[in-house]
Protein backbone atom coordinates (compact mmCIF):
# COMPACT_ATOMS: atom_id res chain seq x y z
CA MET A 1 14.00 28.78 62.97
CA GLY A 2 10.63 29.93 60.80
CA ARG A 3 7.94 29.39 63.50
CA THR A 4 4.47 30.59 62.71
CA THR A 5 1.10 30.18 64.18
CA TYR A 6 -0.93 31.47 61.56
CA GLN A 7 -3.58 29.04 60.35
CA PRO A 8 -5.76 29.78 57.12
CA GLY A 9 -9.37 29.73 57.83
CA ASN A 10 -11.93 28.25 55.83
CA ALA A 11 -12.81 30.73 53.59
CA THR A 12 -9.10 31.60 53.14
CA ARG A 13 -8.43 27.61 52.00
CA ARG A 14 -11.03 27.98 49.65
CA ALA A 15 -10.28 31.21 48.10
CA ILE A 16 -6.44 29.94 47.57
CA GLU A 17 -7.46 26.64 46.34
CA ALA A 18 -9.71 28.43 44.01
CA GLU A 19 -6.65 29.84 42.30
CA ALA A 20 -4.90 26.48 41.71
CA GLY A 21 -4.63 25.81 38.24
CA VAL A 22 -6.07 28.78 36.67
CA VAL A 23 -3.76 31.69 38.19
CA VAL A 24 -0.33 31.98 36.70
CA GLY A 25 2.13 31.41 39.41
CA ASN A 26 4.14 34.55 38.41
CA TYR A 27 3.79 35.48 42.25
CA HIS A 28 4.27 33.87 45.48
CA PRO A 29 1.73 35.57 47.84
CA LEU A 30 1.54 35.05 51.44
CA PRO A 31 -1.03 32.76 52.46
CA VAL A 32 -3.90 35.53 53.31
CA VAL A 33 -6.83 36.71 50.90
CA LEU A 34 -8.02 40.01 51.37
CA GLU A 35 -11.41 41.31 50.86
CA LYS A 36 -12.03 44.85 52.34
CA GLY A 37 -9.71 47.82 53.60
CA GLU A 38 -9.92 51.04 55.29
CA GLY A 39 -7.09 53.49 55.98
CA ALA A 40 -3.96 51.68 56.86
CA TRP A 41 -6.06 48.33 57.62
CA VAL A 42 -7.28 45.14 55.57
CA THR A 43 -9.96 42.53 56.23
CA ASP A 44 -9.27 38.86 54.97
CA VAL A 45 -12.26 36.74 53.93
CA ASP A 46 -12.20 34.86 57.56
CA GLY A 47 -13.02 38.50 58.93
CA ARG A 48 -9.39 38.93 60.40
CA GLU A 49 -7.69 42.36 60.40
CA PHE A 50 -4.05 43.01 59.41
CA LEU A 51 -2.12 46.25 59.51
CA ASP A 52 -1.01 46.82 55.70
CA ALA A 53 2.58 47.90 56.22
CA LEU A 54 2.80 47.19 52.20
CA SER A 55 0.63 49.64 50.82
CA GLY A 56 0.78 47.81 47.35
CA TYR A 57 4.36 48.69 46.82
CA SER A 58 3.34 52.53 47.25
CA ALA A 59 0.41 52.40 45.36
CA VAL A 60 -1.84 52.79 48.44
CA ASN A 61 -0.16 56.06 49.98
CA PHE A 62 -3.18 57.84 50.93
CA GLY A 63 -5.15 54.68 52.40
CA HIS A 64 -7.50 51.83 51.24
CA SER A 65 -11.20 52.95 50.29
CA ASN A 66 -10.08 57.04 50.98
CA LEU A 67 -13.39 58.33 50.45
CA GLN A 68 -12.12 61.55 48.74
CA ILE A 69 -10.47 59.75 46.05
CA ILE A 70 -13.58 57.26 45.68
CA ARG A 71 -15.77 60.16 45.18
CA ALA A 72 -13.67 61.59 42.61
CA MET A 73 -13.42 58.10 40.87
CA THR A 74 -17.30 57.83 41.16
CA ASP A 75 -18.36 61.22 40.25
CA GLN A 76 -16.42 60.86 37.15
CA ALA A 77 -17.17 57.20 36.24
CA MET A 78 -20.98 58.35 35.96
CA GLN A 79 -20.17 60.90 33.53
CA LEU A 80 -17.50 59.61 31.21
CA GLY A 81 -15.15 56.74 31.55
CA LEU A 82 -12.86 56.23 28.23
CA ILE A 83 -12.99 57.85 25.01
CA ALA A 84 -9.33 57.36 23.78
CA ARG A 85 -7.00 60.21 22.82
CA ALA A 86 -8.87 59.96 19.50
CA PHE A 87 -10.80 63.21 20.97
CA HIS A 88 -10.06 65.58 23.80
CA SER A 89 -11.35 65.38 27.29
CA ALA A 90 -12.67 67.84 29.79
CA ASN A 91 -9.88 67.26 32.79
CA LEU A 92 -7.16 66.09 30.57
CA GLY A 93 -5.45 69.63 30.18
CA PRO A 94 -6.38 70.44 33.95
CA PHE A 95 -4.85 67.44 35.19
CA CYS A 96 -1.26 67.55 33.02
CA ALA A 97 -1.32 71.37 34.10
CA ALA A 98 -1.30 70.45 37.70
CA LEU A 99 0.88 67.48 37.50
CA ALA A 100 3.35 70.13 35.82
CA GLU A 101 3.08 72.18 38.30
CA LEU A 102 3.41 69.93 41.18
CA THR A 103 6.74 68.42 39.49
CA GLY A 104 8.32 71.81 38.36
CA MET A 105 7.85 70.75 34.63
CA ASP A 106 6.80 71.66 31.54
CA MET A 107 4.66 69.11 29.95
CA VAL A 108 3.18 65.48 30.72
CA LEU A 109 2.57 62.53 28.88
CA PRO A 110 0.05 60.36 30.94
CA MET A 111 0.18 56.52 30.63
CA ASN A 112 -0.96 53.51 32.93
CA THR A 113 1.27 51.82 34.51
CA GLY A 114 4.99 52.54 35.73
CA ALA A 115 6.72 50.26 33.21
CA GLU A 116 4.92 52.38 30.64
CA ALA A 117 6.28 55.30 31.90
CA VAL A 118 9.78 54.11 31.98
CA GLU A 119 9.38 52.74 28.51
CA THR A 120 8.15 56.14 27.45
CA THR A 121 11.20 57.79 28.80
CA ILE A 122 13.75 55.38 27.16
CA LYS A 123 12.02 56.16 23.65
CA ALA A 124 11.94 59.93 24.39
CA ALA A 125 15.54 59.87 25.42
CA ARG A 126 16.41 57.73 22.17
CA LYS A 127 14.63 60.04 19.97
CA TRP A 128 16.31 63.28 21.93
CA GLY A 129 19.62 62.13 21.37
CA TYR A 130 18.82 61.30 17.49
CA LEU A 131 17.02 64.64 16.81
CA VAL A 132 18.53 67.12 19.02
CA LYS A 133 22.01 65.65 20.25
CA GLY A 134 23.10 64.40 16.95
CA VAL A 135 23.79 60.66 18.21
CA GLU A 136 24.27 58.18 15.47
CA ARG A 137 21.11 56.35 14.32
CA ASP A 138 20.39 53.60 16.30
CA ARG A 139 23.74 53.95 18.72
CA ALA A 140 21.87 55.80 21.67
CA GLU A 141 23.00 54.25 25.03
CA ILE A 142 21.34 55.14 28.52
CA ILE A 143 23.46 54.39 31.69
CA VAL A 144 21.28 52.56 34.28
CA MET A 145 22.21 51.26 37.85
CA ASP A 146 22.77 47.71 39.02
CA ASP A 147 20.13 46.16 41.35
CA ASN A 148 17.45 48.78 39.62
CA PHE A 149 13.78 48.08 39.28
CA HIS A 150 11.91 49.90 36.67
CA GLY A 151 9.70 47.19 35.53
CA ARG A 152 9.47 43.72 33.82
CA THR A 153 8.80 44.69 30.24
CA SER A 154 11.14 42.90 27.45
CA THR A 155 13.09 46.05 27.38
CA ILE A 156 13.38 47.17 31.04
CA VAL A 157 14.29 43.18 32.01
CA SER A 158 17.44 43.73 29.43
CA PHE A 159 18.80 45.74 31.89
CA SER A 160 18.11 44.18 34.81
CA SER A 161 20.64 42.47 37.39
CA ASP A 162 17.88 40.45 38.90
CA PRO A 163 17.87 36.87 37.56
CA ASP A 164 14.68 36.09 38.56
CA ALA A 165 13.27 39.07 36.12
CA ARG A 166 15.87 38.42 33.47
CA ASP A 167 16.84 35.03 32.93
CA ASP A 168 15.43 33.05 29.99
CA PHE A 169 13.65 36.26 28.47
CA GLY A 170 16.61 37.01 25.83
CA PRO A 171 17.37 38.08 23.30
CA TYR A 172 17.95 41.34 25.40
CA THR A 173 17.32 44.76 24.20
CA PRO A 174 20.70 46.66 23.41
CA GLY A 175 21.71 50.59 24.46
CA PHE A 176 22.10 50.08 28.23
CA VAL A 177 25.17 50.27 30.14
CA SER A 178 25.11 49.37 34.00
CA VAL A 179 27.03 50.74 36.61
CA PRO A 180 26.93 50.59 40.63
CA PHE A 181 24.15 52.45 42.31
CA GLY A 182 25.36 55.22 44.28
CA ASP A 183 28.66 55.83 42.38
CA ALA A 184 28.59 59.02 40.39
CA GLU A 185 32.21 58.49 39.22
CA ALA A 186 31.06 55.23 37.69
CA VAL A 187 28.52 57.12 35.63
CA ARG A 188 30.92 59.62 34.67
CA ARG A 189 33.41 57.16 33.31
CA ALA A 190 30.62 55.30 31.70
CA ILE A 191 29.63 58.14 29.21
CA THR A 192 30.59 58.07 25.37
CA LYS A 193 29.65 60.34 22.50
CA ASN A 194 26.09 58.27 22.28
CA THR A 195 24.90 58.70 25.70
CA VAL A 196 21.44 59.89 25.70
CA ALA A 197 20.38 59.43 29.25
CA VAL A 198 21.00 58.35 33.29
CA LEU A 199 18.15 56.30 34.41
CA THR A 200 18.02 55.75 38.16
CA GLU A 201 15.77 55.68 41.18
CA PRO A 202 16.73 58.06 44.25
CA ILE A 203 16.18 55.30 46.53
CA GLN A 204 16.23 51.71 45.38
CA GLY A 205 13.07 50.18 46.62
CA GLU A 206 12.85 46.61 45.05
CA ALA A 207 16.83 46.33 46.13
CA GLY A 208 15.38 46.84 49.88
CA VAL A 209 15.26 50.34 50.33
CA VAL A 210 18.90 51.45 49.39
CA ILE A 211 19.83 55.11 49.93
CA PRO A 212 22.62 56.54 48.15
CA PRO A 213 25.00 58.94 49.41
CA ALA A 214 23.26 62.35 49.62
CA SER A 215 25.84 63.78 47.05
CA PHE A 216 24.85 60.97 44.33
CA LEU A 217 21.67 62.74 42.68
CA PRO A 218 23.22 66.44 42.66
CA GLU A 219 26.53 65.03 41.40
CA LEU A 220 24.56 63.20 38.39
CA ARG A 221 22.85 66.44 37.54
CA GLN A 222 26.25 68.33 37.20
CA ILE A 223 27.49 65.04 35.14
CA CYS A 224 24.50 65.47 32.94
CA ASP A 225 24.68 68.92 32.50
CA ASP A 226 28.28 68.71 31.83
CA ASN A 227 27.88 66.14 28.98
CA ASN A 228 24.72 67.18 27.44
CA VAL A 229 23.00 64.00 28.64
CA LEU A 230 19.33 63.51 29.95
CA LEU A 231 18.91 62.95 33.84
CA ILE A 232 15.55 60.60 34.12
CA VAL A 233 14.46 60.06 38.00
CA ASP A 234 12.00 56.99 38.52
CA GLU A 235 9.68 57.99 41.53
CA ILE A 236 7.30 55.46 41.01
CA GLN A 237 7.91 54.26 44.33
CA SER A 238 9.65 56.87 46.01
CA GLY A 239 7.07 59.85 44.82
CA PHE A 240 3.75 61.61 46.49
CA GLY A 241 5.00 61.54 49.82
CA ARG A 242 6.65 58.26 50.66
CA THR A 243 10.12 59.81 51.76
CA GLY A 244 8.58 62.65 53.97
CA ALA A 245 8.85 65.09 50.52
CA THR A 246 6.52 65.35 47.74
CA PHE A 247 9.28 63.87 45.64
CA ALA A 248 12.88 62.33 46.84
CA CYS A 249 14.55 64.66 44.53
CA GLU A 250 13.74 67.71 46.48
CA LEU A 251 15.53 66.02 49.46
CA VAL A 252 18.51 66.93 47.79
CA GLY A 253 17.54 70.05 45.64
CA VAL A 254 17.71 68.25 42.38
CA GLN A 255 15.61 68.64 39.17
CA PRO A 256 15.96 65.81 36.51
CA ASP A 257 14.97 66.31 32.88
CA LEU A 258 12.27 63.59 33.13
CA TYR A 259 10.38 62.12 36.02
CA THR A 260 8.62 58.66 35.76
CA LEU A 261 5.46 58.62 38.22
CA GLY A 262 2.65 56.16 39.00
CA LYS A 263 1.48 53.85 41.65
CA ALA A 264 0.11 56.64 44.23
CA LEU A 265 -0.82 58.83 41.18
CA GLY A 266 -3.83 56.26 40.88
CA GLY A 267 -4.88 56.74 44.25
CA GLY A 268 -4.88 53.03 45.00
CA VAL A 269 -7.75 52.40 42.93
CA TYR A 270 -6.91 52.85 39.40
CA PRO A 271 -3.55 52.24 37.08
CA VAL A 272 -2.42 56.05 36.33
CA SER A 273 1.19 56.93 35.37
CA ALA A 274 2.87 59.83 33.76
CA VAL A 275 6.14 61.18 32.25
CA ALA A 276 6.58 64.81 33.42
CA GLY A 277 9.43 66.52 31.71
CA LYS A 278 10.93 69.50 29.71
CA ARG A 279 9.40 70.74 26.59
CA GLU A 280 12.56 70.28 24.54
CA VAL A 281 12.87 66.76 25.31
CA LEU A 282 8.87 65.62 25.46
CA GLU A 283 8.20 67.56 22.32
CA VAL A 284 10.22 64.77 20.16
CA PHE A 285 6.87 62.95 20.36
CA THR A 286 4.38 63.97 17.52
CA ALA A 287 1.22 62.74 16.39
CA GLY A 288 1.47 58.58 15.98
CA THR A 289 4.87 58.62 17.50
CA HIS A 290 3.48 57.03 20.91
CA GLY A 291 0.22 56.26 22.64
CA SER A 292 -1.92 54.58 24.67
CA THR A 293 -5.57 53.69 24.75
CA PHE A 294 -6.19 54.03 28.14
CA GLY A 295 -3.37 56.87 29.01
CA GLY A 296 -4.81 59.79 30.30
CA ASN A 297 -8.71 58.77 30.03
CA PRO A 298 -11.01 60.58 31.69
CA LEU A 299 -11.30 58.60 34.65
CA ALA A 300 -7.89 58.47 34.87
CA ALA A 301 -7.36 62.18 34.95
CA ALA A 302 -9.89 62.68 37.60
CA ILE A 303 -8.37 60.54 40.02
CA GLY A 304 -5.09 61.88 39.63
CA LEU A 305 -6.07 65.50 39.61
CA GLU A 306 -7.79 64.29 43.25
CA VAL A 307 -4.46 62.86 44.21
CA ILE A 308 -2.57 65.91 43.48
CA SER A 309 -5.12 68.44 45.58
CA MET A 310 -4.61 66.06 48.34
CA ILE A 311 -0.73 65.78 48.15
CA ARG A 312 -0.52 69.76 48.00
CA THR A 313 -1.95 70.19 51.38
CA GLY A 314 1.20 68.64 52.91
CA GLU A 315 -0.40 66.67 55.56
CA TYR A 316 0.73 63.39 53.71
CA GLN A 317 4.40 64.29 53.54
CA GLN A 318 4.17 65.62 57.26
CA ASN A 319 2.82 62.49 58.50
CA ALA A 320 5.72 60.44 56.42
CA ALA A 321 8.18 62.20 58.08
CA GLU A 322 6.76 61.83 61.80
CA ARG A 323 5.78 58.59 61.65
CA GLY A 324 9.21 57.39 59.61
CA ARG A 325 10.99 59.23 62.85
CA GLN A 326 8.64 57.19 65.39
CA LEU A 327 9.22 53.82 63.27
CA ARG A 328 12.92 54.73 63.28
CA ASP A 329 13.18 55.07 66.89
CA HIS A 330 11.33 52.00 67.73
CA LEU A 331 13.95 49.83 65.16
CA VAL A 332 16.65 51.29 66.93
CA GLU A 333 15.45 49.92 70.42
CA LEU A 334 14.81 46.47 68.71
CA GLN A 335 17.96 46.27 67.14
CA LYS A 336 19.58 46.86 70.59
CA GLN A 337 17.36 44.02 72.15
CA PHE A 338 17.89 41.28 69.20
CA PRO A 339 21.35 42.30 67.66
CA ASP A 340 21.75 38.57 66.57
CA LEU A 341 18.66 38.93 64.13
CA LEU A 342 18.17 42.38 63.36
CA LEU A 343 21.58 43.17 61.85
CA GLY A 344 20.64 46.71 60.38
CA PHE A 345 17.95 48.79 58.56
CA ARG A 346 17.67 52.10 56.22
CA GLN A 347 14.74 54.42 56.62
CA ILE A 348 13.58 57.67 54.67
CA GLY A 349 10.40 58.80 55.42
CA LEU A 350 7.87 56.02 55.77
CA TRP A 351 9.63 53.68 53.89
CA VAL A 352 12.34 51.35 55.62
CA GLY A 353 14.82 48.38 54.45
CA VAL A 354 15.48 46.18 57.43
CA ASP A 355 18.44 43.63 57.18
CA PHE A 356 18.04 40.01 59.16
CA ASN A 357 20.65 37.75 59.70
CA PRO A 358 20.68 35.43 56.74
CA ASP A 359 22.28 32.69 58.98
CA LEU A 360 19.03 32.63 60.98
CA VAL A 361 15.99 33.43 59.00
CA THR A 362 15.03 34.64 55.43
CA GLY A 363 12.86 37.49 54.69
CA ARG A 364 9.86 35.19 53.79
CA GLN A 365 10.18 33.61 57.12
CA VAL A 366 10.07 37.12 58.81
CA CYS A 367 6.95 38.10 56.74
CA GLU A 368 4.94 34.51 57.66
CA GLN A 369 5.49 35.34 61.40
CA MET A 370 4.53 39.08 61.17
CA MET A 371 1.24 37.75 59.14
CA SER A 372 0.33 35.47 62.16
CA ASN A 373 1.12 38.64 64.45
CA ARG A 374 -1.37 40.74 62.14
CA VAL A 375 0.87 42.81 60.32
CA LEU A 376 1.57 42.44 56.22
CA ILE A 377 5.17 43.04 54.80
CA LYS A 378 7.14 41.98 51.99
CA ASP A 379 10.53 40.44 51.74
CA ALA A 380 12.86 42.01 49.06
CA HIS A 381 15.88 39.75 48.49
CA GLY A 382 17.29 37.20 50.82
CA SER A 383 16.92 38.13 54.31
CA VAL A 384 15.71 42.07 53.50
CA VAL A 385 12.28 43.14 54.19
CA ARG A 386 10.45 45.94 53.48
CA ILE A 387 8.08 48.17 55.42
CA SER A 388 5.96 50.75 53.63
CA PRO A 389 2.49 51.57 55.80
CA PRO A 390 -0.12 53.94 54.09
CA LEU A 391 0.91 57.46 54.63
CA CYS A 392 -2.18 57.77 56.57
CA ALA A 393 -0.99 55.30 59.49
CA THR A 394 -1.51 56.66 62.76
CA GLU A 395 1.02 56.84 65.89
CA GLY A 396 -0.92 53.68 67.42
CA ASP A 397 -0.66 52.22 63.86
CA ILE A 398 3.18 52.43 64.00
CA ASP A 399 2.98 51.09 67.55
CA PHE A 400 1.15 48.25 66.50
CA LEU A 401 3.19 47.27 63.90
CA CYS A 402 6.65 47.59 66.21
CA ILE A 403 5.15 45.53 69.31
CA ALA A 404 4.29 42.75 66.09
CA LEU A 405 7.66 42.98 65.13
CA SER A 406 9.08 42.52 68.66
CA LYS A 407 7.03 39.46 69.16
CA THR A 408 8.27 37.99 65.90
CA LEU A 409 11.97 38.43 66.78
CA GLU A 410 11.06 36.98 70.36
CA GLN A 411 9.06 33.87 68.26
CA LEU A 412 11.71 33.41 65.69
CA ARG A 413 14.58 33.44 68.51
CA ALA A 414 12.75 30.85 70.38
CA GLY A 415 12.58 28.92 67.55
C-alpha cells in the first residue's frame, strides 16, 4: 500500500529545494508549501486549495486570517508592540483579569510558548513545595504521565517517553516520576512526602487523542487534595473550545490548581501562552525569580483579549461539538466499510485520533494520500492519525473531509 497521485507543482518544488541545506531537518513535513489561508482552507504556492484538518496543532482554532483577530493585532501593532515587563502596559491587566475570569483562577503569569508555560508551572510547583508545603530542599518530585507531550525543552524531554524527543539529550533533569496515563491508583501509589504536583494533559493529543476514563481527573483532584499536592492540567492543545467545552476540565467538573495555556490563545497569528492559577501558588514568584522579555507584551495581550472575547460567545464550542458529532457519524460508517484498514477511533469535540491497521498502512501513508485528495492531516505515532480542523469548519467542510477519507481508504485498499 501507499499509493499517492499527488505531484508537486514547479513553485512547490522550488520552495522545497530552497530549504535544502539551510533549514534544519527537525521536522518531516508533507511536500506541500502553503502561502495563504482563510477559515479552514489554505492555498499552496501553485494555487491549489486544501482543507486544513490540523489547525497548527490547535493553534488555529479560530481559522486562518480571522479578521477579528487580525484587526486586534494590527490596531495594537500600530500603537505599541514590545516594551518588556520593565514597565507597565495598558492592556496587560485587562488581559490577565479576563483570562483569570475565564479559567476561574486568581492570577495569570503570561509567557510565549506552551513549553514555557509548562516550565513555569514546574518552577512554581517546586518553589511552592519548598516554601509552603515544607518539602526538603532539592527533593521535590512531580508525577507525570507515560506518553505525555508537554514540549521539547531539556527539562521537559527528561520526563518524555518518546525516544525521538528524549534520546541523546541527556543528562536528564531529575525529580519526575512517570505513571500510566488514566490510572489514578498508580498516581496514588507514586505519591511520597516529596511529591509537590501531578502534571497531566486531560487528553493526550500527541499520543493520538487518547481520552482517559471520565473518572480520571476527578480522582486526581481528590488524590491531590488528600495529599496536599498541586494538580497541574496542560490545556495547551485541548483548551479554547477544541473539545466542545472551553476547557476539557469542564467536561468532568474539575478545577486544577494551575492551568497551562497556549496555542489558540495566540489566535493563530502570534505566540501567546500563560499559566493561570491559584494565588497561594503563583505568589511564590517575586520580582526577579521568573520572567520573559516578550511574555505579556502589549501585542500579545491585545490578541489574547480578543481571543477571550471570541471564546466567551460559546459559538466555537458549540460548533466543535456539532461538527464533532458529524465527523464521528461519518467515521462510524467508514469503519463499517473499511474494517480491514480503519480499526477504530477516539473522538471528543472536533478532535479525533484514528487507528489504521499497522500491518497494511502507516500514518504517514494515510496523510500523503489525504493530501492528494486535498485534505491536510498529521500522523501521530505509527499508524495513528490526528484530525483537528479549525473550530470554524462548516458542515460542508466536514463532509469534504470525510469524502476525501473515504476516497483515500479506497485508494489504499486498491494499492
